[in-house]
Amino acid sequence: MREIQLKDAKATFSAVIEQAIHGNPAIITRHGKKEAVVLSFEEYEKLSRVPSFGRLLAAFPGDETDIPARSSKPARDVDL
């Protein structure tokens, strides 16, 4: 992903957008600090739909019998 200074992004905004649409997003920097990212709406939608780990667990399609029982063995010793 390329980095562009804010002033350059303003001057070439249409080109920055066009490149993002074609799969080449850009990080916008201001005073050397990363401030924003320009990416296609399609890529944004993909990223915004990533489920949380909790939702993935809650959506588990199996039965309780599909999950093996916990081991009754003691935990291994750890040197501290």
N, C-alpha and C. Protein backbone atom coordinates (compact mmCIF):
# COMPACT_ATOMS: atom_id res chain seq x y z
N MET A 1 0.85 -1.16 0.00
CA MET A 1 0.00 0.00 0.00
C MET A 1 0.91 1.23 0.00
N ARG A 2 0.60 2.15 -0.84
CA ARG A 2 1.44 3.34 -0.95
C ARG A 2 1.00 4.42 0.02
N GLU A 3 1.94 5.28 0.37
CA GLU A 3 1.64 6.40 1.26
C GLU A 3 1.70 7.70 0.45
N ILE A 4 0.73 8.58 0.70
CA ILE A 4 0.66 9.86 0.00
C ILE A 4 0.46 10.95 1.04
N GLN A 5 1.18 12.04 0.89
CA GLN A 5 0.97 13.18 1.77
C GLN A 5 -0.39 13.79 1.46
N LEU A 6 -1.02 14.34 2.46
CA LEU A 6 -2.36 14.91 2.31
C LEU A 6 -2.42 15.94 1.20
N LYS A 7 -1.45 16.83 1.13
CA LYS A 7 -1.47 17.87 0.10
C LYS A 7 -1.41 17.26 -1.30
N ASP A 8 -0.65 16.17 -1.48
CA ASP A 8 -0.59 15.51 -2.78
C ASP A 8 -1.88 14.77 -3.09
N ALA A 9 -2.49 14.18 -2.06
CA ALA A 9 -3.76 13.49 -2.26
C ALA A 9 -4.85 14.46 -2.67
N LYS A 10 -4.84 15.66 -2.07
CA LYS A 10 -5.82 16.68 -2.46
C LYS A 10 -5.64 17.08 -3.92
N ALA A 11 -4.39 17.25 -4.32
CA ALA A 11 -4.10 17.71 -5.68
C ALA A 11 -4.45 16.67 -6.73
N THR A 12 -4.39 15.40 -6.35
CA THR A 12 -4.65 14.32 -7.32
C THR A 12 -5.76 13.39 -6.83
N PHE A 13 -6.77 13.96 -6.19
CA PHE A 13 -7.82 13.18 -5.55
C PHE A 13 -8.50 12.20 -6.52
N SER A 14 -8.83 12.64 -7.70
CA SER A 14 -9.49 11.74 -8.67
C SER A 14 -8.62 10.54 -8.99
N ALA A 15 -7.33 10.75 -9.14
CA ALA A 15 -6.41 9.65 -9.45
C ALA A 15 -6.29 8.70 -8.25
N VAL A 16 -6.26 9.25 -7.04
CA VAL A 16 -6.18 8.42 -5.83
C VAL A 16 -7.41 7.53 -5.74
N ILE A 17 -8.58 8.10 -6.00
CA ILE A 17 -9.83 7.33 -5.97
C ILE A 17 -9.83 6.26 -7.06
N GLU A 18 -9.43 6.63 -8.24
CA GLU A 18 -9.41 5.68 -9.36
C GLU A 18 -8.50 4.50 -9.06
N GLN A 19 -7.34 4.77 -8.48
CA GLN A 19 -6.42 3.68 -8.14
C GLN A 19 -7.00 2.80 -7.04
N ALA A 20 -7.67 3.39 -6.07
CA ALA A 20 -8.30 2.60 -5.00
C ALA A 20 -9.38 1.68 -5.57
N ILE A 21 -10.14 2.17 -6.52
CA ILE A 21 -11.18 1.36 -7.16
C ILE A 21 -10.57 0.15 -7.86
N HIS A 22 -9.38 0.33 -8.39
CA HIS A 22 -8.70 -0.74 -9.11
C HIS A 22 -7.79 -1.58 -8.21
N GLY A 23 -8.03 -1.53 -6.89
CA GLY A 23 -7.32 -2.41 -5.97
C GLY A 23 -6.01 -1.89 -5.44
N ASN A 24 -5.75 -0.60 -5.56
CA ASN A 24 -4.50 -0.03 -5.07
C ASN A 24 -4.80 1.06 -4.04
N PRO A 25 -5.15 0.69 -2.80
CA PRO A 25 -5.49 1.69 -1.79
C PRO A 25 -4.27 2.53 -1.40
N ALA A 26 -4.52 3.64 -0.72
CA ALA A 26 -3.45 4.55 -0.33
C ALA A 26 -3.62 4.97 1.12
N ILE A 27 -2.49 5.10 1.81
CA ILE A 27 -2.48 5.64 3.17
C ILE A 27 -2.20 7.13 3.04
N ILE A 28 -3.03 7.94 3.65
CA ILE A 28 -2.86 9.39 3.62
C ILE A 28 -2.12 9.81 4.88
N THR A 29 -1.02 10.54 4.70
CA THR A 29 -0.24 11.00 5.85
C THR A 29 -0.33 12.52 5.96
N ARG A 30 -0.22 12.99 7.21
CA ARG A 30 -0.18 14.43 7.48
C ARG A 30 0.94 14.64 8.48
N HIS A 31 1.90 15.46 8.09
CA HIS A 31 3.08 15.72 8.92
C HIS A 31 3.81 14.42 9.27
N GLY A 32 3.85 13.48 8.31
CA GLY A 32 4.55 12.22 8.51
C GLY A 32 3.80 11.17 9.31
N LYS A 33 2.60 11.49 9.78
CA LYS A 33 1.81 10.57 10.58
C LYS A 33 0.69 9.98 9.73
N LYS A 34 0.50 8.67 9.80
CA LYS A 34 -0.57 8.01 9.06
C LYS A 34 -1.91 8.44 9.65
N GLU A 35 -2.79 9.00 8.82
CA GLU A 35 -4.05 9.56 9.29
C GLU A 35 -5.29 8.85 8.73
N ALA A 36 -5.24 8.40 7.49
CA ALA A 36 -6.43 7.82 6.86
C ALA A 36 -6.02 6.85 5.76
N VAL A 37 -7.01 6.07 5.31
CA VAL A 37 -6.79 5.14 4.20
C VAL A 37 -7.89 5.36 3.18
N VAL A 38 -7.51 5.40 1.92
CA VAL A 38 -8.49 5.48 0.83
C VAL A 38 -8.52 4.11 0.17
N LEU A 39 -9.68 3.46 0.22
CA LEU A 39 -9.84 2.17 -0.42
C LEU A 39 -11.19 2.11 -1.09
N SER A 40 -11.36 1.14 -1.96
CA SER A 40 -12.62 1.03 -2.70
C SER A 40 -13.76 0.69 -1.75
N PHE A 41 -14.98 1.04 -2.13
CA PHE A 41 -16.15 0.73 -1.32
C PHE A 41 -16.32 -0.78 -1.20
N GLU A 42 -16.01 -1.50 -2.27
CA GLU A 42 -16.10 -2.97 -2.25
C GLU A 42 -15.18 -3.55 -1.18
N GLU A 43 -13.95 -3.05 -1.09
CA GLU A 43 -13.01 -3.53 -0.08
C GLU A 43 -13.48 -3.15 1.32
N TYR A 44 -14.02 -1.95 1.47
CA TYR A 44 -14.57 -1.51 2.75
C TYR A 44 -15.69 -2.45 3.22
N GLU A 45 -16.59 -2.81 2.30
CA GLU A 45 -17.68 -3.71 2.65
C GLU A 45 -17.17 -5.06 3.12
N LYS A 46 -16.15 -5.59 2.45
CA LYS A 46 -15.57 -6.87 2.87
C LYS A 46 -15.03 -6.77 4.29
N LEU A 47 -14.31 -5.70 4.57
CA LEU A 47 -13.70 -5.53 5.89
C LEU A 47 -14.74 -5.30 6.98
N SER A 48 -15.82 -4.62 6.65
CA SER A 48 -16.82 -4.31 7.66
C SER A 48 -17.70 -5.51 7.99
N ARG A 49 -17.66 -6.55 7.17
CA ARG A 49 -18.48 -7.74 7.41
C ARG A 49 -17.74 -8.85 8.13
N VAL A 50 -16.51 -8.63 8.54
CA VAL A 50 -15.76 -9.67 9.24
C VAL A 50 -16.38 -9.88 10.61
N PRO A 51 -16.86 -11.08 10.89
CA PRO A 51 -17.52 -11.31 12.18
C PRO A 51 -16.50 -11.39 13.32
N SER A 52 -16.98 -11.11 14.52
CA SER A 52 -16.12 -11.23 15.69
C SER A 52 -15.96 -12.71 16.04
N PHE A 53 -14.97 -13.02 16.84
CA PHE A 53 -14.74 -14.40 17.25
C PHE A 53 -15.95 -14.94 18.03
N GLY A 54 -16.53 -14.09 18.86
CA GLY A 54 -17.72 -14.50 19.61
C GLY A 54 -18.88 -14.86 18.71
N ARG A 55 -19.09 -14.08 17.66
CA ARG A 55 -20.18 -14.40 16.72
C ARG A 55 -19.91 -15.69 15.97
N LEU A 56 -18.65 -15.93 15.64
CA LEU A 56 -18.31 -17.19 14.97
C LEU A 56 -18.60 -18.37 15.89
N LEU A 57 -18.25 -18.25 17.16
CA LEU A 57 -18.53 -19.33 18.11
C LEU A 57 -20.04 -19.53 18.27
N ALA A 58 -20.77 -18.43 18.37
CA ALA A 58 -22.22 -18.52 18.55
C ALA A 58 -22.90 -19.14 17.33
N ALA A 59 -22.30 -18.99 16.17
CA ALA A 59 -22.89 -19.51 14.94
C ALA A 59 -22.47 -20.95 14.64
N PHE A 60 -21.76 -21.59 15.57
CA PHE A 60 -21.30 -22.97 15.35
C PHE A 60 -22.49 -23.87 15.04
N PRO A 61 -22.48 -24.53 13.89
CA PRO A 61 -23.66 -25.28 13.46
C PRO A 61 -23.80 -26.67 14.10
N GLY A 62 -22.79 -27.13 14.83
CA GLY A 62 -22.82 -28.49 15.35
C GLY A 62 -23.58 -28.63 16.66
N ASP A 63 -23.59 -29.85 17.16
CA ASP A 63 -24.20 -30.18 18.45
C ASP A 63 -23.13 -30.17 19.53
N GLU A 64 -23.58 -30.24 20.77
CA GLU A 64 -22.63 -30.31 21.89
C GLU A 64 -21.76 -31.55 21.79
N THR A 65 -22.30 -32.60 21.19
CA THR A 65 -21.53 -33.86 21.08
C THR A 65 -20.39 -33.74 20.06
N ASP A 66 -20.41 -32.70 19.23
CA ASP A 66 -19.34 -32.50 18.26
C ASP A 66 -18.07 -31.95 18.89
N ILE A 67 -18.19 -31.42 20.10
CA ILE A 67 -17.05 -30.83 20.79
C ILE A 67 -16.51 -31.86 21.77
N PRO A 68 -15.23 -32.21 21.65
CA PRO A 68 -14.68 -33.23 22.57
C PRO A 68 -14.65 -32.71 24.01
N ALA A 69 -14.79 -33.63 24.95
CA ALA A 69 -14.76 -33.27 26.37
C ALA A 69 -13.36 -32.80 26.76
N ARG A 70 -13.30 -31.94 27.76
CA ARG A 70 -12.00 -31.47 28.26
C ARG A 70 -11.25 -32.62 28.89
N SER A 71 -9.96 -32.58 28.76
CA SER A 71 -9.11 -33.59 29.35
C SER A 71 -9.08 -33.41 30.87
N SER A 72 -9.06 -34.53 31.58
CA SER A 72 -8.99 -34.45 33.04
C SER A 72 -7.54 -34.50 33.52
N LYS A 73 -6.58 -34.59 32.60
CA LYS A 73 -5.16 -34.60 32.96
C LYS A 73 -4.78 -33.26 33.56
N PRO A 74 -3.88 -33.25 34.50
CA PRO A 74 -3.42 -31.96 35.04
C PRO A 74 -2.63 -31.19 33.99
N ALA A 75 -2.64 -29.88 34.15
CA ALA A 75 -1.89 -29.03 33.20
C ALA A 75 -0.40 -29.30 33.37
N ARG A 76 0.36 -29.03 32.34
CA ARG A 76 1.81 -29.26 32.43
C ARG A 76 2.44 -28.19 33.31
N ASP A 77 3.60 -28.54 33.89
CA ASP A 77 4.34 -27.61 34.74
C ASP A 77 5.01 -26.55 33.88
N VAL A 78 5.01 -25.35 34.36
CA VAL A 78 5.63 -24.24 33.64
C VAL A 78 6.70 -23.63 34.54
N ASP A 79 7.91 -23.49 34.01
CA ASP A 79 8.99 -22.83 34.76
C ASP A 79 8.82 -21.33 34.68
N LEU A 80 8.78 -20.70 35.83
CA LEU A 80 8.64 -19.23 35.85
C LEU A 80 9.93 -18.57 36.16
